[in-house]
Amino acid sequence: MQQLTQYQVERMLHRQRRNPARPLTPSTRLVHDLGFDSVDVVELTLNLESRFHIEIADAELEELHTVQDVLNCVDLHFSPPVA
């Protein structure tokens, strides 16, 4: 994953998290550590789809447990333009 893409995903997570004291690491859990609920995960997914012009299946939402899961999901669907 390109560093810029990772930075953009982490910024989205920073803005949306409910527990600002918790630092973001790949193993940070969305629900337990950042305070996300199911609506937050759906909102995050919509933001990711809009920002990166990707489509994330509803079944994949259930697999987004950590920051790394989110990064992997975006990486799976997003291929940046070749310069």
PDB file of N, CA and C in Angstrom:
ATOM      1  N   MET A   1       0.855  -1.177   0.000  1.00  0.00           N
ATOM      2  CA  MET A   1       0.000   0.000   0.000  1.00  0.00           C
ATOM      3  C   MET A   1       0.894   1.231   0.000  1.00  0.00           C
ATOM      4  N   GLN A   2       0.520   2.176  -0.810  1.00  0.00           N
ATOM      5  CA  GLN A   2       1.291   3.397  -0.845  1.00  0.00           C
ATOM      6  C   GLN A   2       1.138   4.160   0.460  1.00  0.00           C
ATOM      7  N   GLN A   3       2.178   4.864   0.809  1.00  0.00           N
ATOM      8  CA  GLN A   3       2.194   5.600   2.064  1.00  0.00           C
ATOM      9  C   GLN A   3       1.091   6.660   2.108  1.00  0.00           C
ATOM     10  N   LEU A   4       0.813   7.314   0.987  1.00  0.00           N
ATOM     11  CA  LEU A   4      -0.229   8.336   0.937  1.00  0.00           C
ATOM     12  C   LEU A   4      -1.595   7.729   1.210  1.00  0.00           C
ATOM     13  N   THR A   5      -1.863   6.574   0.646  1.00  0.00           N
ATOM     14  CA  THR A   5      -3.136   5.894   0.870  1.00  0.00           C
ATOM     15  C   THR A   5      -3.278   5.526   2.336  1.00  0.00           C
ATOM     16  N   GLN A   6      -2.240   4.985   2.928  1.00  0.00           N
ATOM     17  CA  GLN A   6      -2.266   4.626   4.339  1.00  0.00           C
ATOM     18  C   GLN A   6      -2.507   5.871   5.200  1.00  0.00           C
ATOM     19  N   TYR A   7      -1.847   6.949   4.872  1.00  0.00           N
ATOM     20  CA  TYR A   7      -2.024   8.203   5.607  1.00  0.00           C
ATOM     21  C   TYR A   7      -3.479   8.673   5.532  1.00  0.00           C
ATOM     22  N   GLN A   8      -4.082   8.594   4.357  1.00  0.00           N
ATOM     23  CA  GLN A   8      -5.462   9.037   4.183  1.00  0.00           C
ATOM     24  C   GLN A   8      -6.429   8.161   4.979  1.00  0.00           C
ATOM     25  N   VAL A   9      -6.209   6.864   4.984  1.00  0.00           N
ATOM     26  CA  VAL A   9      -7.058   5.959   5.766  1.00  0.00           C
ATOM     27  C   VAL A   9      -6.917   6.268   7.258  1.00  0.00           C
ATOM     28  N   GLU A  10      -5.707   6.458   7.714  1.00  0.00           N
ATOM     29  CA  GLU A  10      -5.486   6.749   9.133  1.00  0.00           C
ATOM     30  C   GLU A  10      -6.109   8.087   9.528  1.00  0.00           C
ATOM     31  N   ARG A  11      -6.082   9.064   8.641  1.00  0.00           N
ATOM     32  CA  ARG A  11      -6.741  10.349   8.926  1.00  0.00           C
ATOM     33  C   ARG A  11      -8.239  10.177   9.086  1.00  0.00           C
ATOM     34  N   MET A  12      -8.839   9.349   8.245  1.00  0.00           N
ATOM     35  CA  MET A  12     -10.273   9.064   8.362  1.00  0.00           C
ATOM     36  C   MET A  12     -10.574   8.443   9.718  1.00  0.00           C
ATOM     37  N   LEU A  13      -9.744   7.500  10.114  1.00  0.00           N
ATOM     38  CA  LEU A  13      -9.941   6.831  11.400  1.00  0.00           C
ATOM     39  C   LEU A  13      -9.758   7.813  12.556  1.00  0.00           C
ATOM     40  N   HIS A  14      -8.777   8.691  12.476  1.00  0.00           N
ATOM     41  CA  HIS A  14      -8.546   9.691  13.517  1.00  0.00           C
ATOM     42  C   HIS A  14      -9.763  10.589  13.686  1.00  0.00           C
ATOM     43  N   ARG A  15     -10.334  11.025  12.580  1.00  0.00           N
ATOM     44  CA  ARG A  15     -11.481  11.933  12.643  1.00  0.00           C
ATOM     45  C   ARG A  15     -12.715  11.264  13.213  1.00  0.00           C
ATOM     46  N   GLN A  16     -12.852   9.982  12.986  1.00  0.00           N
ATOM     47  CA  GLN A  16     -14.073   9.294  13.351  1.00  0.00           C
ATOM     48  C   GLN A  16     -14.020   8.610  14.720  1.00  0.00           C
ATOM     49  N   ARG A  17     -12.848   8.409  15.260  1.00  0.00           N
ATOM     50  CA  ARG A  17     -12.743   7.639  16.502  1.00  0.00           C
ATOM     51  C   ARG A  17     -13.347   8.385  17.689  1.00  0.00           C
ATOM     52  N   ARG A  18     -13.785   7.616  18.653  1.00  0.00           N
ATOM     53  CA  ARG A  18     -14.410   8.175  19.854  1.00  0.00           C
ATOM     54  C   ARG A  18     -13.477   8.165  21.051  1.00  0.00           C
ATOM     55  N   ASN A  19     -12.349   7.516  20.886  1.00  0.00           N
ATOM     56  CA  ASN A  19     -11.374   7.441  21.965  1.00  0.00           C
ATOM     57  C   ASN A  19     -10.083   8.087  21.470  1.00  0.00           C
ATOM     58  N   PRO A  20      -9.999   9.429  21.535  1.00  0.00           N
ATOM     59  CA  PRO A  20      -8.847  10.118  20.952  1.00  0.00           C
ATOM     60  C   PRO A  20      -7.526   9.860  21.659  1.00  0.00           C
ATOM     61  N   ALA A  21      -7.565   9.363  22.874  1.00  0.00           N
ATOM     62  CA  ALA A  21      -6.333   9.112  23.618  1.00  0.00           C
ATOM     63  C   ALA A  21      -5.600   7.874  23.107  1.00  0.00           C
ATOM     64  N   ARG A  22      -6.306   7.007  22.438  1.00  0.00           N
ATOM     65  CA  ARG A  22      -5.722   5.747  21.966  1.00  0.00           C
ATOM     66  C   ARG A  22      -4.965   5.973  20.659  1.00  0.00           C
ATOM     67  N   PRO A  23      -3.664   5.655  20.614  1.00  0.00           N
ATOM     68  CA  PRO A  23      -2.913   5.821  19.362  1.00  0.00           C
ATOM     69  C   PRO A  23      -3.313   4.747  18.345  1.00  0.00           C
ATOM     70  N   LEU A  24      -3.160   5.084  17.082  1.00  0.00           N
ATOM     71  CA  LEU A  24      -3.469   4.122  16.023  1.00  0.00           C
ATOM     72  C   LEU A  24      -2.240   3.283  15.701  1.00  0.00           C
ATOM     73  N   THR A  25      -2.413   1.990  15.773  1.00  0.00           N
ATOM     74  CA  THR A  25      -1.403   1.031  15.338  1.00  0.00           C
ATOM     75  C   THR A  25      -2.134   0.016  14.458  1.00  0.00           C
ATOM     76  N   PRO A  26      -1.425  -0.803  13.711  1.00  0.00           N
ATOM     77  CA  PRO A  26      -2.114  -1.798  12.892  1.00  0.00           C
ATOM     78  C   PRO A  26      -3.027  -2.727  13.704  1.00  0.00           C
ATOM     79  N   SER A  27      -2.684  -2.982  14.947  1.00  0.00           N
ATOM     80  CA  SER A  27      -3.493  -3.901  15.757  1.00  0.00           C
ATOM     81  C   SER A  27      -4.597  -3.202  16.560  1.00  0.00           C
ATOM     82  N   THR A  28      -4.728  -1.891  16.428  1.00  0.00           N
ATOM     83  CA  THR A  28      -5.784  -1.167  17.130  1.00  0.00           C
ATOM     84  C   THR A  28      -7.134  -1.672  16.642  1.00  0.00           C
ATOM     85  N   ARG A  29      -7.985  -2.041  17.604  1.00  0.00           N
ATOM     86  CA  ARG A  29      -9.302  -2.587  17.275  1.00  0.00           C
ATOM     87  C   ARG A  29     -10.318  -1.453  17.150  1.00  0.00           C
ATOM     88  N   LEU A  30     -11.123  -1.519  16.097  1.00  0.00           N
ATOM     89  CA  LEU A  30     -12.085  -0.457  15.834  1.00  0.00           C
ATOM     90  C   LEU A  30     -13.113  -0.322  16.949  1.00  0.00           C
ATOM     91  N   VAL A  31     -13.696  -1.423  17.373  1.00  0.00           N
ATOM     92  CA  VAL A  31     -14.767  -1.384  18.368  1.00  0.00           C
ATOM     93  C   VAL A  31     -14.203  -1.210  19.774  1.00  0.00           C
ATOM     94  N   HIS A  32     -13.306  -2.077  20.175  1.00  0.00           N
ATOM     95  CA  HIS A  32     -12.827  -2.079  21.560  1.00  0.00           C
ATOM     96  C   HIS A  32     -11.898  -0.923  21.892  1.00  0.00           C
ATOM     97  N   ASP A  33     -11.054  -0.534  20.962  1.00  0.00           N
ATOM     98  CA  ASP A  33     -10.065   0.500  21.258  1.00  0.00           C
ATOM     99  C   ASP A  33     -10.497   1.900  20.821  1.00  0.00           C
ATOM    100  N   LEU A  34     -11.173   1.984  19.671  1.00  0.00           N
ATOM    101  CA  LEU A  34     -11.548   3.296  19.145  1.00  0.00           C
ATOM    102  C   LEU A  34     -13.004   3.667  19.447  1.00  0.00           C
ATOM    103  N   GLY A  35     -13.764   2.729  19.958  1.00  0.00           N
ATOM    104  CA  GLY A  35     -15.141   3.022  20.330  1.00  0.00           C
ATOM    105  C   GLY A  35     -16.124   3.028  19.171  1.00  0.00           C
ATOM    106  N   PHE A  36     -15.768   2.400  18.057  1.00  0.00           N
ATOM    107  CA  PHE A  36     -16.680   2.344  16.919  1.00  0.00           C
ATOM    108  C   PHE A  36     -17.856   1.432  17.235  1.00  0.00           C
ATOM    109  N   ASP A  37     -19.011   1.763  16.658  1.00  0.00           N
ATOM    110  CA  ASP A  37     -20.141   0.847  16.667  1.00  0.00           C
ATOM    111  C   ASP A  37     -20.435   0.477  15.212  1.00  0.00           C
ATOM    112  N   SER A  38     -21.473  -0.292  14.984  1.00  0.00           N
ATOM    113  CA  SER A  38     -21.746  -0.764  13.626  1.00  0.00           C
ATOM    114  C   SER A  38     -22.032   0.389  12.668  1.00  0.00           C
ATOM    115  N   VAL A  39     -22.686   1.431  13.154  1.00  0.00           N
ATOM    116  CA  VAL A  39     -22.960   2.593  12.308  1.00  0.00           C
ATOM    117  C   VAL A  39     -21.655   3.284  11.923  1.00  0.00           C
ATOM    118  N   ASP A  40     -20.724   3.375  12.858  1.00  0.00           N
ATOM    119  CA  ASP A  40     -19.414   3.988  12.563  1.00  0.00           C
ATOM    120  C   ASP A  40     -18.666   3.207  11.490  1.00  0.00           C
ATOM    121  N   VAL A  41     -18.739   1.894  11.548  1.00  0.00           N
ATOM    122  CA  VAL A  41     -18.050   1.060  10.556  1.00  0.00           C
ATOM    123  C   VAL A  41     -18.675   1.269   9.178  1.00  0.00           C
ATOM    124  N   VAL A  42     -20.008   1.354   9.124  1.00  0.00           N
ATOM    125  CA  VAL A  42     -20.683   1.605   7.853  1.00  0.00           C
ATOM    126  C   VAL A  42     -20.293   2.992   7.321  1.00  0.00           C
ATOM    127  N   GLU A  43     -20.276   3.995   8.192  1.00  0.00           N
ATOM    128  CA  GLU A  43     -19.886   5.343   7.784  1.00  0.00           C
ATOM    129  C   GLU A  43     -18.441   5.372   7.273  1.00  0.00           C
ATOM    130  N   LEU A  44     -17.558   4.687   7.982  1.00  0.00           N
ATOM    131  CA  LEU A  44     -16.170   4.600   7.539  1.00  0.00           C
ATOM    132  C   LEU A  44     -16.087   3.962   6.160  1.00  0.00           C
ATOM    133  N   THR A  45     -16.825   2.895   5.961  1.00  0.00           N
ATOM    134  CA  THR A  45     -16.819   2.200   4.678  1.00  0.00           C
ATOM    135  C   THR A  45     -17.313   3.109   3.555  1.00  0.00           C
ATOM    136  N   LEU A  46     -18.386   3.841   3.813  1.00  0.00           N
ATOM    137  CA  LEU A  46     -18.897   4.771   2.801  1.00  0.00           C
ATOM    138  C   LEU A  46     -17.863   5.842   2.466  1.00  0.00           C
ATOM    139  N   ASN A  47     -17.180   6.340   3.490  1.00  0.00           N
ATOM    140  CA  ASN A  47     -16.129   7.335   3.270  1.00  0.00           C
ATOM    141  C   ASN A  47     -14.976   6.751   2.452  1.00  0.00           C
ATOM    142  N   LEU A  48     -14.597   5.516   2.761  1.00  0.00           N
ATOM    143  CA  LEU A  48     -13.519   4.856   2.009  1.00  0.00           C
ATOM    144  C   LEU A  48     -13.926   4.657   0.550  1.00  0.00           C
ATOM    145  N   GLU A  49     -15.158   4.204   0.353  1.00  0.00           N
ATOM    146  CA  GLU A  49     -15.643   3.983  -1.012  1.00  0.00           C
ATOM    147  C   GLU A  49     -15.648   5.286  -1.807  1.00  0.00           C
ATOM    148  N   SER A  50     -16.084   6.343  -1.171  1.00  0.00           N
ATOM    149  CA  SER A  50     -16.145   7.641  -1.839  1.00  0.00           C
ATOM    150  C   SER A  50     -14.741   8.180  -2.141  1.00  0.00           C
ATOM    151  N   ARG A  51     -13.868   8.107  -1.160  1.00  0.00           N
ATOM    152  CA  ARG A  51     -12.526   8.678  -1.304  1.00  0.00           C
ATOM    153  C   ARG A  51     -11.674   7.939  -2.329  1.00  0.00           C
ATOM    154  N   PHE A  52     -11.759   6.620  -2.308  1.00  0.00           N
ATOM    155  CA  PHE A  52     -10.881   5.817  -3.161  1.00  0.00           C
ATOM    156  C   PHE A  52     -11.589   5.241  -4.393  1.00  0.00           C
ATOM    157  N   HIS A  53     -12.872   5.553  -4.552  1.00  0.00           N
ATOM    158  CA  HIS A  53     -13.644   5.080  -5.709  1.00  0.00           C
ATOM    159  C   HIS A  53     -13.592   3.554  -5.798  1.00  0.00           C
ATOM    160  N   ILE A  54     -13.902   2.937  -4.679  1.00  0.00           N
ATOM    161  CA  ILE A  54     -13.910   1.473  -4.600  1.00  0.00           C
ATOM    162  C   ILE A  54     -15.281   1.026  -4.115  1.00  0.00           C
ATOM    163  N   GLU A  55     -15.527  -0.261  -4.177  1.00  0.00           N
ATOM    164  CA  GLU A  55     -16.764  -0.824  -3.649  1.00  0.00           C
ATOM    165  C   GLU A  55     -16.402  -1.934  -2.673  1.00  0.00           C
ATOM    166  N   ILE A  56     -16.907  -1.805  -1.455  1.00  0.00           N
ATOM    167  CA  ILE A  56     -16.648  -2.785  -0.406  1.00  0.00           C
ATOM    168  C   ILE A  56     -17.950  -3.519  -0.134  1.00  0.00           C
ATOM    169  N   ALA A  57     -17.935  -4.823  -0.300  1.00  0.00           N
ATOM    170  CA  ALA A  57     -19.138  -5.641  -0.117  1.00  0.00           C
ATOM    171  C   ALA A  57     -19.565  -5.641   1.346  1.00  0.00           C
ATOM    172  N   ASP A  58     -20.871  -5.759   1.551  1.00  0.00           N
ATOM    173  CA  ASP A  58     -21.408  -5.781   2.911  1.00  0.00           C
ATOM    174  C   ASP A  58     -20.785  -6.900   3.742  1.00  0.00           C
ATOM    175  N   ALA A  59     -20.519  -8.030   3.129  1.00  0.00           N
ATOM    176  CA  ALA A  59     -19.923  -9.156   3.854  1.00  0.00           C
ATOM    177  C   ALA A  59     -18.542  -8.801   4.390  1.00  0.00           C
ATOM    178  N   GLU A  60     -17.850  -7.908   3.705  1.00  0.00           N
ATOM    179  CA  GLU A  60     -16.510  -7.506   4.152  1.00  0.00           C
ATOM    180  C   GLU A  60     -16.563  -6.630   5.403  1.00  0.00           C
ATOM    181  N   LEU A  61     -17.674  -5.960   5.636  1.00  0.00           N
ATOM    182  CA  LEU A  61     -17.809  -5.108   6.820  1.00  0.00           C
ATOM    183  C   LEU A  61     -17.595  -5.907   8.100  1.00  0.00           C
ATOM    184  N   GLU A  62     -18.074  -7.121   8.089  1.00  0.00           N
ATOM    185  CA  GLU A  62     -17.960  -7.976   9.272  1.00  0.00           C
ATOM    186  C   GLU A  62     -16.522  -8.388   9.555  1.00  0.00           C
ATOM    187  N   GLU A  63     -15.648  -8.236   8.571  1.00  0.00           N
ATOM    188  CA  GLU A  63     -14.249  -8.624   8.723  1.00  0.00           C
ATOM    189  C   GLU A  63     -13.346  -7.461   9.119  1.00  0.00           C
ATOM    190  N   LEU A  64     -13.909  -6.261   9.255  1.00  0.00           N
ATOM    191  CA  LEU A  64     -13.118  -5.088   9.618  1.00  0.00           C
ATOM    192  C   LEU A  64     -13.087  -4.947  11.132  1.00  0.00           C
ATOM    193  N   HIS A  65     -12.047  -5.508  11.737  1.00  0.00           N
ATOM    194  CA  HIS A  65     -11.925  -5.488  13.195  1.00  0.00           C
ATOM    195  C   HIS A  65     -10.789  -4.585  13.670  1.00  0.00           C
ATOM    196  N   THR A  66      -9.743  -4.459  12.866  1.00  0.00           N
ATOM    197  CA  THR A  66      -8.565  -3.688  13.275  1.00  0.00           C
ATOM    198  C   THR A  66      -8.211  -2.661  12.197  1.00  0.00           C
ATOM    199  N   VAL A  67      -7.315  -1.767  12.545  1.00  0.00           N
ATOM    200  CA  VAL A  67      -6.815  -0.793  11.574  1.00  0.00           C
ATOM    201  C   VAL A  67      -6.183  -1.533  10.398  1.00  0.00           C
ATOM    202  N   GLN A  68      -5.441  -2.581  10.660  1.00  0.00           N
ATOM    203  CA  GLN A  68      -4.809  -3.357   9.586  1.00  0.00           C
ATOM    204  C   GLN A  68      -5.848  -3.982   8.667  1.00  0.00           C
ATOM    205  N   ASP A  69      -6.961  -4.445   9.224  1.00  0.00           N
ATOM    206  CA  ASP A  69      -8.037  -4.989   8.389  1.00  0.00           C
ATOM    207  C   ASP A  69      -8.556  -3.937   7.413  1.00  0.00           C
ATOM    208  N   VAL A  70      -8.720  -2.720   7.892  1.00  0.00           N
ATOM    209  CA  VAL A  70      -9.193  -1.623   7.040  1.00  0.00           C
ATOM    210  C   VAL A  70      -8.163  -1.339   5.945  1.00  0.00           C
ATOM    211  N   LEU A  71      -6.901  -1.253   6.327  1.00  0.00           N
ATOM    212  CA  LEU A  71      -5.840  -1.014   5.345  1.00  0.00           C
ATOM    213  C   LEU A  71      -5.780  -2.123   4.301  1.00  0.00           C
ATOM    214  N   ASN A  72      -5.908  -3.359   4.738  1.00  0.00           N
ATOM    215  CA  ASN A  72      -5.878  -4.497   3.812  1.00  0.00           C
ATOM    216  C   ASN A  72      -7.067  -4.447   2.853  1.00  0.00           C
ATOM    217  N   CYS A  73      -8.220  -4.071   3.368  1.00  0.00           N
ATOM    218  CA  CYS A  73      -9.425  -3.993   2.550  1.00  0.00           C
ATOM    219  C   CYS A  73      -9.259  -2.942   1.459  1.00  0.00           C
ATOM    220  N   VAL A  74      -8.782  -1.773   1.831  1.00  0.00           N
ATOM    221  CA  VAL A  74      -8.555  -0.717   0.840  1.00  0.00           C
ATOM    222  C   VAL A  74      -7.503  -1.173  -0.158  1.00  0.00           C
ATOM    223  N   ASP A  75      -6.439  -1.775   0.324  1.00  0.00           N
ATOM    224  CA  ASP A  75      -5.364  -2.247  -0.543  1.00  0.00           C
ATOM    225  C   ASP A  75      -5.882  -3.281  -1.542  1.00  0.00           C
ATOM    226  N   LEU A  76      -6.791  -4.130  -1.106  1.00  0.00           N
ATOM    227  CA  LEU A  76      -7.352  -5.163  -1.961  1.00  0.00           C
ATOM    228  C   LEU A  76      -8.147  -4.558  -3.134  1.00  0.00           C
ATOM    229  N   HIS A  77      -8.878  -3.488  -2.846  1.00  0.00           N
ATOM    230  CA  HIS A  77      -9.777  -2.914  -3.845  1.00  0.00           C
ATOM    231  C   HIS A  77      -9.196  -1.748  -4.627  1.00  0.00           C
ATOM    232  N   PHE A  78      -8.212  -1.094  -4.061  1.00  0.00           N
ATOM    233  CA  PHE A  78      -7.714   0.144  -4.657  1.00  0.00           C
ATOM    234  C   PHE A  78      -6.391  -0.076  -5.361  1.00  0.00           C
ATOM    235  N   SER A  79      -6.337   0.331  -6.591  1.00  0.00           N
ATOM    236  CA  SER A  79      -5.061   0.333  -7.297  1.00  0.00           C
ATOM    237  C   SER A  79      -4.868   1.761  -7.825  1.00  0.00           C
ATOM    238  N   PRO A  80      -3.891   2.470  -7.243  1.00  0.00           N
ATOM    239  CA  PRO A  80      -3.674   3.858  -7.637  1.00  0.00           C
ATOM    240  C   PRO A  80      -3.246   3.970  -9.085  1.00  0.00           C
ATOM    241  N   PRO A  81      -3.502   5.126  -9.690  1.00  0.00           N
ATOM    242  CA  PRO A  81      -3.088   5.320 -11.084  1.00  0.00           C
ATOM    243  C   PRO A  81      -1.582   5.191 -11.239  1.00  0.00           C
ATOM    244  N   VAL A  82      -1.170   4.612 -12.320  1.00  0.00           N
ATOM    245  CA  VAL A  82       0.252   4.446 -12.600  1.00  0.00           C
ATOM    246  C   VAL A  82       0.775   5.754 -13.175  1.00  0.00           C
ATOM    247  N   ALA A  83       1.884   6.234 -12.592  1.00  0.00           N
ATOM    248  CA  ALA A  83       2.439   7.521 -13.051  1.00  0.00           C
ATOM    249  C   ALA A  83       3.388   7.340 -14.202  1.00  0.00           C
TER     250      ALA A  83
END
